[in-house]
């Protein structure tokens, strides 16, 4: 399974992420900033605490995380079926 191995805050509401398969890039999260739980990012010091948790999630503190698979798909342009082939089978059998 492909997982993030490094993450760094960048200018604005951007983060840079590197994945275990070598894919890396910058993602702009400004469309989520200031909305709901993501209002916490308005505190720049908090935004800069971003890290990869032990289980592979991209997190800020104990209560705020973003799906690393969704970010991977955004970076690569791949679909759910390409990133998680087993998920497609589960959806079809639901």
PDB file of N, CA and C in Angstrom:
ATOM      1  N   UNK A   1       0.832  -1.176   0.000  1.00  0.00           N
ATOM      2  CA  UNK A   1       0.000   0.000   0.000  1.00  0.00           C
ATOM      3  C   UNK A   1       0.885   1.250   0.000  1.00  0.00           C
ATOM      4  N   UNK A   2       0.530   2.199  -0.827  1.00  0.00           N
ATOM      5  CA  UNK A   2       1.278   3.444  -0.944  1.00  0.00           C
ATOM      6  C   UNK A   2       0.865   4.367   0.198  1.00  0.00           C
ATOM      7  N   UNK A   3       1.852   4.889   0.901  1.00  0.00           N
ATOM      8  CA  UNK A   3       1.604   5.741   2.062  1.00  0.00           C
ATOM      9  C   UNK A   3       2.509   6.965   2.028  1.00  0.00           C
ATOM     10  N   UNK A   4       2.059   8.079   2.602  1.00  0.00           N
ATOM     11  CA  UNK A   4       2.949   9.233   2.706  1.00  0.00           C
ATOM     12  C   UNK A   4       4.085   8.935   3.671  1.00  0.00           C
ATOM     13  N   UNK A   5       5.270   9.406   3.320  1.00  0.00           N
ATOM     14  CA  UNK A   5       6.421   9.194   4.204  1.00  0.00           C
ATOM     15  C   UNK A   5       7.001  10.514   4.708  1.00  0.00           C
ATOM     16  N   UNK A   6       6.601  11.622   4.089  1.00  0.00           N
ATOM     17  CA  UNK A   6       7.072  12.934   4.530  1.00  0.00           C
ATOM     18  C   UNK A   6       6.060  13.995   4.122  1.00  0.00           C
ATOM     19  N   UNK A   7       5.935  15.009   4.946  1.00  0.00           N
ATOM     20  CA  UNK A   7       5.058  16.143   4.640  1.00  0.00           C
ATOM     21  C   UNK A   7       5.660  17.391   5.272  1.00  0.00           C
ATOM     22  N   UNK A   8       5.527  18.513   4.559  1.00  0.00           N
ATOM     23  CA  UNK A   8       6.037  19.795   5.053  1.00  0.00           C
ATOM     24  C   UNK A   8       5.030  20.885   4.726  1.00  0.00           C
ATOM     25  N   UNK A   9       4.841  21.842   5.636  1.00  0.00           N
ATOM     26  CA  UNK A   9       3.994  22.989   5.308  1.00  0.00           C
ATOM     27  C   UNK A   9       4.719  23.892   4.317  1.00  0.00           C
ATOM     28  N   UNK A  10       3.963  24.523   3.468  1.00  0.00           N
ATOM     29  CA  UNK A  10       4.507  25.486   2.509  1.00  0.00           C
ATOM     30  C   UNK A  10       3.730  26.796   2.645  1.00  0.00           C
ATOM     31  N   UNK A  11       4.026  27.760   1.795  1.00  0.00           N
ATOM     32  CA  UNK A  11       3.344  29.056   1.851  1.00  0.00           C
ATOM     33  C   UNK A  11       1.843  28.895   1.681  1.00  0.00           C
ATOM     34  N   UNK A  12       1.113  29.843   2.238  1.00  0.00           N
ATOM     35  CA  UNK A  12      -0.338  29.805   2.156  1.00  0.00           C
ATOM     36  C   UNK A  12      -0.865  28.572   2.864  1.00  0.00           C
ATOM     37  N   UNK A  13      -1.776  27.903   2.213  1.00  0.00           N
ATOM     38  CA  UNK A  13      -2.338  26.664   2.754  1.00  0.00           C
ATOM     39  C   UNK A  13      -1.884  25.472   1.914  1.00  0.00           C
ATOM     40  N   UNK A  14      -0.632  25.489   1.524  1.00  0.00           N
ATOM     41  CA  UNK A  14      -0.074  24.397   0.727  1.00  0.00           C
ATOM     42  C   UNK A  14       0.773  23.481   1.601  1.00  0.00           C
ATOM     43  N   UNK A  15       0.792  22.212   1.218  1.00  0.00           N
ATOM     44  CA  UNK A  15       1.691  21.251   1.848  1.00  0.00           C
ATOM     45  C   UNK A  15       2.420  20.504   0.739  1.00  0.00           C
ATOM     46  N   UNK A  16       3.621  20.072   1.041  1.00  0.00           N
ATOM     47  CA  UNK A  16       4.395  19.212   0.144  1.00  0.00           C
ATOM     48  C   UNK A  16       4.366  17.820   0.763  1.00  0.00           C
ATOM     49  N   UNK A  17       4.091  16.811  -0.078  1.00  0.00           N
ATOM     50  CA  UNK A  17       3.990  15.432   0.400  1.00  0.00           C
ATOM     51  C   UNK A  17       4.847  14.523  -0.469  1.00  0.00           C
ATOM     52  N   UNK A  18       5.540  13.569   0.159  1.00  0.00           N
ATOM     53  CA  UNK A  18       6.259  12.511  -0.566  1.00  0.00           C
ATOM     54  C   UNK A  18       5.648  11.176  -0.145  1.00  0.00           C
ATOM     55  N   UNK A  19       5.409  10.326  -1.147  1.00  0.00           N
ATOM     56  CA  UNK A  19       4.821   9.007  -0.911  1.00  0.00           C
ATOM     57  C   UNK A  19       5.866   7.910  -1.046  1.00  0.00           C
ATOM     58  N   UNK A  20       5.531   6.747  -0.540  1.00  0.00           N
ATOM     59  CA  UNK A  20       6.464   5.613  -0.495  1.00  0.00           C
ATOM     60  C   UNK A  20       6.879   5.116  -1.874  1.00  0.00           C
ATOM     61  N   UNK A  21       6.123   5.454  -2.922  1.00  0.00           N
ATOM     62  CA  UNK A  21       6.498   5.037  -4.275  1.00  0.00           C
ATOM     63  C   UNK A  21       7.331   6.093  -5.005  1.00  0.00           C
ATOM     64  N   UNK A  22       7.696   7.167  -4.301  1.00  0.00           N
ATOM     65  CA  UNK A  22       8.517   8.217  -4.893  1.00  0.00           C
ATOM     66  C   UNK A  22       7.745   9.409  -5.426  1.00  0.00           C
ATOM     67  N   UNK A  23       6.434   9.281  -5.550  1.00  0.00           N
ATOM     68  CA  UNK A  23       5.615  10.413  -5.993  1.00  0.00           C
ATOM     69  C   UNK A  23       5.694  11.504  -4.934  1.00  0.00           C
ATOM     70  N   UNK A  24       5.868  12.738  -5.378  1.00  0.00           N
ATOM     71  CA  UNK A  24       5.887  13.860  -4.449  1.00  0.00           C
ATOM     72  C   UNK A  24       5.376  15.097  -5.148  1.00  0.00           C
ATOM     73  N   UNK A  25       4.894  16.029  -4.363  1.00  0.00           N
ATOM     74  CA  UNK A  25       4.425  17.276  -4.935  1.00  0.00           C
ATOM     75  C   UNK A  25       3.735  18.145  -3.914  1.00  0.00           C
ATOM     76  N   UNK A  26       3.371  19.325  -4.377  1.00  0.00           N
ATOM     77  CA  UNK A  26       2.727  20.308  -3.518  1.00  0.00           C
ATOM     78  C   UNK A  26       1.230  20.312  -3.786  1.00  0.00           C
ATOM     79  N   UNK A  27       0.460  20.400  -2.718  1.00  0.00           N
ATOM     80  CA  UNK A  27      -0.994  20.405  -2.817  1.00  0.00           C
ATOM     81  C   UNK A  27      -1.518  21.658  -2.134  1.00  0.00           C
ATOM     82  N   UNK A  28      -2.399  22.363  -2.822  1.00  0.00           N
ATOM     83  CA  UNK A  28      -3.004  23.577  -2.284  1.00  0.00           C
ATOM     84  C   UNK A  28      -4.311  23.210  -1.587  1.00  0.00           C
ATOM     85  N   UNK A  29      -4.362  23.440  -0.291  1.00  0.00           N
ATOM     86  CA  UNK A  29      -5.536  23.107   0.513  1.00  0.00           C
ATOM     87  C   UNK A  29      -6.382  24.339   0.829  1.00  0.00           C
ATOM     88  N   UNK A  30      -6.132  25.446   0.144  1.00  0.00           N
ATOM     89  CA  UNK A  30      -6.810  26.696   0.480  1.00  0.00           C
ATOM     90  C   UNK A  30      -8.318  26.627   0.293  1.00  0.00           C
ATOM     91  N   UNK A  31      -8.816  25.726  -0.559  1.00  0.00           N
ATOM     92  CA  UNK A  31     -10.265  25.609  -0.728  1.00  0.00           C
ATOM     93  C   UNK A  31     -10.950  25.067   0.528  1.00  0.00           C
ATOM     94  N   UNK A  32     -10.205  24.413   1.415  1.00  0.00           N
ATOM     95  CA  UNK A  32     -10.764  23.895   2.665  1.00  0.00           C
ATOM     96  C   UNK A  32     -10.494  24.820   3.844  1.00  0.00           C
ATOM     97  N   UNK A  33      -9.509  25.671   3.724  1.00  0.00           N
ATOM     98  CA  UNK A  33      -9.085  26.529   4.839  1.00  0.00           C
ATOM     99  C   UNK A  33     -10.227  27.419   5.312  1.00  0.00           C
ATOM    100  N   UNK A  34     -10.359  27.520   6.621  1.00  0.00           N
ATOM    101  CA  UNK A  34     -11.371  28.385   7.213  1.00  0.00           C
ATOM    102  C   UNK A  34     -12.758  27.792   7.275  1.00  0.00           C
ATOM    103  N   UNK A  35     -12.941  26.573   6.771  1.00  0.00           N
ATOM    104  CA  UNK A  35     -14.260  25.938   6.732  1.00  0.00           C
ATOM    105  C   UNK A  35     -14.316  24.803   7.741  1.00  0.00           C
ATOM    106  N   UNK A  36     -15.339  24.814   8.577  1.00  0.00           N
ATOM    107  CA  UNK A  36     -15.530  23.742   9.551  1.00  0.00           C
ATOM    108  C   UNK A  36     -14.298  23.539  10.414  1.00  0.00           C
ATOM    109  N   UNK A  37     -13.883  22.282  10.541  1.00  0.00           N
ATOM    110  CA  UNK A  37     -12.719  21.969  11.381  1.00  0.00           C
ATOM    111  C   UNK A  37     -11.436  22.586  10.832  1.00  0.00           C
ATOM    112  N   UNK A  38     -11.421  22.872   9.534  1.00  0.00           N
ATOM    113  CA  UNK A  38     -10.219  23.436   8.924  1.00  0.00           C
ATOM    114  C   UNK A  38     -10.022  24.916   9.257  1.00  0.00           C
ATOM    115  N   UNK A  39     -10.948  25.520   9.996  1.00  0.00           N
ATOM    116  CA  UNK A  39     -10.754  26.883  10.495  1.00  0.00           C
ATOM    117  C   UNK A  39      -9.543  26.932  11.427  1.00  0.00           C
ATOM    118  N   UNK A  40      -9.178  25.793  11.989  1.00  0.00           N
ATOM    119  CA  UNK A  40      -7.995  25.719  12.862  1.00  0.00           C
ATOM    120  C   UNK A  40      -6.731  26.132  12.115  1.00  0.00           C
ATOM    121  N   UNK A  41      -6.718  25.979  10.789  1.00  0.00           N
ATOM    122  CA  UNK A  41      -5.554  26.365   9.994  1.00  0.00           C
ATOM    123  C   UNK A  41      -5.345  27.872   9.966  1.00  0.00           C
ATOM    124  N   UNK A  42      -6.349  28.648  10.370  1.00  0.00           N
ATOM    125  CA  UNK A  42      -6.181  30.100  10.402  1.00  0.00           C
ATOM    126  C   UNK A  42      -5.054  30.496  11.346  1.00  0.00           C
ATOM    127  N   UNK A  43      -4.735  29.617  12.274  1.00  0.00           N
ATOM    128  CA  UNK A  43      -3.574  29.800  13.150  1.00  0.00           C
ATOM    129  C   UNK A  43      -2.382  29.176  12.423  1.00  0.00           C
ATOM    130  N   UNK A  44      -1.545  30.016  11.846  1.00  0.00           N
ATOM    131  CA  UNK A  44      -0.419  29.527  11.031  1.00  0.00           C
ATOM    132  C   UNK A  44       0.484  28.576  11.809  1.00  0.00           C
ATOM    133  N   UNK A  45       0.669  28.850  13.085  1.00  0.00           N
ATOM    134  CA  UNK A  45       1.502  27.977  13.913  1.00  0.00           C
ATOM    135  C   UNK A  45       0.922  26.568  13.945  1.00  0.00           C
ATOM    136  N   UNK A  46      -0.405  26.472  14.032  1.00  0.00           N
ATOM    137  CA  UNK A  46      -1.054  25.162  14.030  1.00  0.00           C
ATOM    138  C   UNK A  46      -0.901  24.495  12.662  1.00  0.00           C
ATOM    139  N   UNK A  47      -1.111  25.246  11.585  1.00  0.00           N
ATOM    140  CA  UNK A  47      -0.976  24.675  10.238  1.00  0.00           C
ATOM    141  C   UNK A  47       0.408  24.068  10.043  1.00  0.00           C
ATOM    142  N   UNK A  48       1.413  24.705  10.594  1.00  0.00           N
ATOM    143  CA  UNK A  48       2.789  24.239  10.430  1.00  0.00           C
ATOM    144  C   UNK A  48       3.120  22.995  11.254  1.00  0.00           C
ATOM    145  N   UNK A  49       2.183  22.507  12.066  1.00  0.00           N
ATOM    146  CA  UNK A  49       2.412  21.274  12.836  1.00  0.00           C
ATOM    147  C   UNK A  49       2.117  20.024  12.021  1.00  0.00           C
ATOM    148  N   UNK A  50       1.752  20.162  10.762  1.00  0.00           N
ATOM    149  CA  UNK A  50       1.406  19.009   9.930  1.00  0.00           C
ATOM    150  C   UNK A  50       2.506  17.949   9.985  1.00  0.00           C
ATOM    151  N   UNK A  51       2.082  16.694  10.064  1.00  0.00           N
ATOM    152  CA  UNK A  51       3.042  15.589  10.082  1.00  0.00           C
ATOM    153  C   UNK A  51       2.360  14.319   9.592  1.00  0.00           C
ATOM    154  N   UNK A  52       3.170  13.301   9.355  1.00  0.00           N
ATOM    155  CA  UNK A  52       2.645  11.983   8.995  1.00  0.00           C
ATOM    156  C   UNK A  52       2.552  11.182  10.287  1.00  0.00           C
ATOM    157  N   UNK A  53       1.350  10.733  10.607  1.00  0.00           N
ATOM    158  CA  UNK A  53       1.134   9.935  11.815  1.00  0.00           C
ATOM    159  C   UNK A  53       1.638   8.517  11.595  1.00  0.00           C
ATOM    160  N   UNK A  54       1.753   7.783  12.679  1.00  0.00           N
ATOM    161  CA  UNK A  54       2.270   6.413  12.625  1.00  0.00           C
ATOM    162  C   UNK A  54       1.512   5.535  11.629  1.00  0.00           C
ATOM    163  N   UNK A  55       0.212   5.695  11.526  1.00  0.00           N
ATOM    164  CA  UNK A  55      -0.587   4.882  10.608  1.00  0.00           C
ATOM    165  C   UNK A  55      -0.589   5.375   9.172  1.00  0.00           C
ATOM    166  N   UNK A  56       0.088   6.497   8.897  1.00  0.00           N
ATOM    167  CA  UNK A  56       0.182   7.007   7.538  1.00  0.00           C
ATOM    168  C   UNK A  56      -0.751   8.158   7.221  1.00  0.00           C
ATOM    169  N   UNK A  57      -1.545   8.592   8.190  1.00  0.00           N
ATOM    170  CA  UNK A  57      -2.435   9.726   7.955  1.00  0.00           C
ATOM    171  C   UNK A  57      -1.634  11.027   7.996  1.00  0.00           C
ATOM    172  N   UNK A  58      -2.122  12.025   7.283  1.00  0.00           N
ATOM    173  CA  UNK A  58      -1.542  13.361   7.340  1.00  0.00           C
ATOM    174  C   UNK A  58      -2.370  14.131   8.352  1.00  0.00           C
ATOM    175  N   UNK A  59      -1.730  14.566   9.439  1.00  0.00           N
ATOM    176  CA  UNK A  59      -2.473  15.095  10.583  1.00  0.00           C
ATOM    177  C   UNK A  59      -1.941  16.440  11.078  1.00  0.00           C
ATOM    178  N   UNK A  60      -2.827  17.121  11.762  1.00  0.00           N
ATOM    179  CA  UNK A  60      -2.528  18.323  12.533  1.00  0.00           C
ATOM    180  C   UNK A  60      -3.098  18.062  13.919  1.00  0.00           C
ATOM    181  N   UNK A  61      -2.253  17.973  14.904  1.00  0.00           N
ATOM    182  CA  UNK A  61      -2.731  17.693  16.252  1.00  0.00           C
ATOM    183  C   UNK A  61      -3.365  16.315  16.344  1.00  0.00           C
ATOM    184  N   UNK A  62      -4.252  16.169  17.319  1.00  0.00           N
ATOM    185  CA  UNK A  62      -4.891  14.871  17.549  1.00  0.00           C
ATOM    186  C   UNK A  62      -6.224  14.708  16.836  1.00  0.00           C
ATOM    187  N   UNK A  63      -6.806  15.804  16.352  1.00  0.00           N
ATOM    188  CA  UNK A  63      -8.183  15.734  15.869  1.00  0.00           C
ATOM    189  C   UNK A  63      -8.403  16.115  14.414  1.00  0.00           C
ATOM    190  N   UNK A  64      -7.367  16.464  13.691  1.00  0.00           N
ATOM    191  CA  UNK A  64      -7.550  16.941  12.328  1.00  0.00           C
ATOM    192  C   UNK A  64      -6.644  16.175  11.376  1.00  0.00           C
ATOM    193  N   UNK A  65      -7.258  15.530  10.381  1.00  0.00           N
ATOM    194  CA  UNK A  65      -6.467  14.783   9.398  1.00  0.00           C
ATOM    195  C   UNK A  65      -7.104  14.879   8.024  1.00  0.00           C
ATOM    196  N   UNK A  66      -6.326  14.528   7.024  1.00  0.00           N
ATOM    197  CA  UNK A  66      -6.785  14.488   5.633  1.00  0.00           C
ATOM    198  C   UNK A  66      -6.438  13.120   5.073  1.00  0.00           C
ATOM    199  N   UNK A  67      -7.336  12.597   4.266  1.00  0.00           N
ATOM    200  CA  UNK A  67      -7.132  11.284   3.655  1.00  0.00           C
ATOM    201  C   UNK A  67      -5.910  11.324   2.728  1.00  0.00           C
ATOM    202  N   UNK A  68      -4.882  10.537   3.036  1.00  0.00           N
ATOM    203  CA  UNK A  68      -3.689  10.549   2.190  1.00  0.00           C
ATOM    204  C   UNK A  68      -3.950   9.973   0.799  1.00  0.00           C
ATOM    205  N   UNK A  69      -4.934   9.085   0.676  1.00  0.00           N
ATOM    206  CA  UNK A  69      -5.258   8.519  -0.638  1.00  0.00           C
ATOM    207  C   UNK A  69      -5.858   9.583  -1.553  1.00  0.00           C
ATOM    208  N   UNK A  70      -6.721  10.434  -1.005  1.00  0.00           N
ATOM    209  CA  UNK A  70      -7.316  11.511  -1.804  1.00  0.00           C
ATOM    210  C   UNK A  70      -6.238  12.475  -2.297  1.00  0.00           C
ATOM    211  N   UNK A  71      -5.278  12.784  -1.433  1.00  0.00           N
ATOM    212  CA  UNK A  71      -4.184  13.667  -1.845  1.00  0.00           C
ATOM    213  C   UNK A  71      -3.322  13.006  -2.913  1.00  0.00           C
ATOM    214  N   UNK A  72      -3.088  11.707  -2.781  1.00  0.00           N
ATOM    215  CA  UNK A  72      -2.303  10.962  -3.771  1.00  0.00           C
ATOM    216  C   UNK A  72      -3.002  11.009  -5.134  1.00  0.00           C
ATOM    217  N   UNK A  73      -4.323  10.807  -5.130  1.00  0.00           N
ATOM    218  CA  UNK A  73      -5.074  10.853  -6.388  1.00  0.00           C
ATOM    219  C   UNK A  73      -5.017  12.245  -7.003  1.00  0.00           C
ATOM    220  N   UNK A  74      -5.046  13.280  -6.168  1.00  0.00           N
ATOM    221  CA  UNK A  74      -4.929  14.645  -6.686  1.00  0.00           C
ATOM    222  C   UNK A  74      -3.556  14.878  -7.314  1.00  0.00           C
ATOM    223  N   UNK A  75      -2.514  14.394  -6.677  1.00  0.00           N
ATOM    224  CA  UNK A  75      -1.154  14.563  -7.210  1.00  0.00           C
ATOM    225  C   UNK A  75      -0.938  13.813  -8.513  1.00  0.00           C
ATOM    226  N   UNK A  76      -1.469  12.601  -8.598  1.00  0.00           N
ATOM    227  CA  UNK A  76      -1.186  11.737  -9.741  1.00  0.00           C
ATOM    228  C   UNK A  76      -2.240  11.781 -10.836  1.00  0.00           C
ATOM    229  N   UNK A  77      -3.440  12.240 -10.507  1.00  0.00           N
ATOM    230  CA  UNK A  77      -4.535  12.209 -11.470  1.00  0.00           C
ATOM    231  C   UNK A  77      -5.136  10.825 -11.636  1.00  0.00           C
ATOM    232  N   UNK A  78      -4.744   9.897 -10.754  1.00  0.00           N
ATOM    233  CA  UNK A  78      -5.266   8.532 -10.828  1.00  0.00           C
ATOM    234  C   UNK A  78      -6.649   8.449 -10.191  1.00  0.00           C
ATOM    235  N   UNK A  79      -7.409   7.448 -10.628  1.00  0.00           N
ATOM    236  CA  UNK A  79      -8.752   7.225 -10.100  1.00  0.00           C
ATOM    237  C   UNK A  79      -8.707   6.324  -8.869  1.00  0.00           C
ATOM    238  N   UNK A  80      -9.841   6.218  -8.186  1.00  0.00           N
ATOM    239  CA  UNK A  80      -9.954   5.314  -7.036  1.00  0.00           C
ATOM    240  C   UNK A  80      -9.618   3.892  -7.465  1.00  0.00           C
ATOM    241  N   UNK A  81     -10.130   3.466  -8.617  1.00  0.00           N
ATOM    242  CA  UNK A  81      -9.886   2.103  -9.098  1.00  0.00           C
ATOM    243  C   UNK A  81      -8.399   1.844  -9.333  1.00  0.00           C
ATOM    244  N   UNK A  82      -7.671   2.849  -9.778  1.00  0.00           N
ATOM    245  CA  UNK A  82      -6.236   2.687 -10.019  1.00  0.00           C
ATOM    246  C   UNK A  82      -5.438   2.657  -8.722  1.00  0.00           C
ATOM    247  N   UNK A  83      -5.841   3.453  -7.755  1.00  0.00           N
ATOM    248  CA  UNK A  83      -5.109   3.547  -6.495  1.00  0.00           C
ATOM    249  C   UNK A  83      -5.494   2.429  -5.538  1.00  0.00           C
ATOM    250  N   UNK A  84      -6.789   2.083  -5.531  1.00  0.00           N
ATOM    251  CA  UNK A  84      -7.298   1.053  -4.620  1.00  0.00           C
ATOM    252  C   UNK A  84      -8.183   0.079  -5.394  1.00  0.00           C
ATOM    253  N   UNK A  85      -7.595  -0.828  -6.167  1.00  0.00           N
ATOM    254  CA  UNK A  85      -8.391  -1.727  -7.004  1.00  0.00           C
ATOM    255  C   UNK A  85      -9.415  -2.533  -6.215  1.00  0.00           C
ATOM    256  N   UNK A  86      -9.107  -2.909  -5.009  1.00  0.00           N
ATOM    257  CA  UNK A  86     -10.041  -3.672  -4.186  1.00  0.00           C
ATOM    258  C   UNK A  86     -11.275  -2.883  -3.805  1.00  0.00           C
ATOM    259  N   UNK A  87     -11.165  -1.564  -3.756  1.00  0.00           N
ATOM    260  CA  UNK A  87     -12.300  -0.722  -3.389  1.00  0.00           C
ATOM    261  C   UNK A  87     -13.380  -0.792  -4.455  1.00  0.00           C
ATOM    262  N   UNK A  88     -12.988  -0.896  -5.706  1.00  0.00           N
ATOM    263  CA  UNK A  88     -13.960  -0.975  -6.790  1.00  0.00           C
ATOM    264  C   UNK A  88     -14.812  -2.223  -6.654  1.00  0.00           C
ATOM    265  N   UNK A  89     -14.188  -3.339  -6.319  1.00  0.00           N
ATOM    266  CA  UNK A  89     -14.926  -4.589  -6.134  1.00  0.00           C
ATOM    267  C   UNK A  89     -15.911  -4.434  -4.991  1.00  0.00           C
ATOM    268  N   UNK A  90     -15.487  -3.831  -3.901  1.00  0.00           N
ATOM    269  CA  UNK A  90     -16.361  -3.645  -2.745  1.00  0.00           C
ATOM    270  C   UNK A  90     -17.546  -2.764  -3.100  1.00  0.00           C
ATOM    271  N   UNK A  91     -17.323  -1.710  -3.896  1.00  0.00           N
ATOM    272  CA  UNK A  91     -18.407  -0.828  -4.304  1.00  0.00           C
ATOM    273  C   UNK A  91     -19.389  -1.581  -5.188  1.00  0.00           C
ATOM    274  N   UNK A  92     -18.896  -2.370  -6.123  1.00  0.00           N
ATOM    275  CA  UNK A  92     -19.758  -3.115  -7.026  1.00  0.00           C
ATOM    276  C   UNK A  92     -20.587  -4.157  -6.285  1.00  0.00           C
ATOM    277  N   UNK A  93     -20.053  -4.699  -5.207  1.00  0.00           N
ATOM    278  CA  UNK A  93     -20.762  -5.730  -4.449  1.00  0.00           C
ATOM    279  C   UNK A  93     -21.630  -5.158  -3.331  1.00  0.00           C
ATOM    280  N   UNK A  94     -21.668  -3.850  -3.195  1.00  0.00           N
ATOM    281  CA  UNK A  94     -22.440  -3.232  -2.097  1.00  0.00           C
ATOM    282  C   UNK A  94     -23.927  -3.332  -2.341  1.00  0.00           C
TER     283      UNK A  94
END
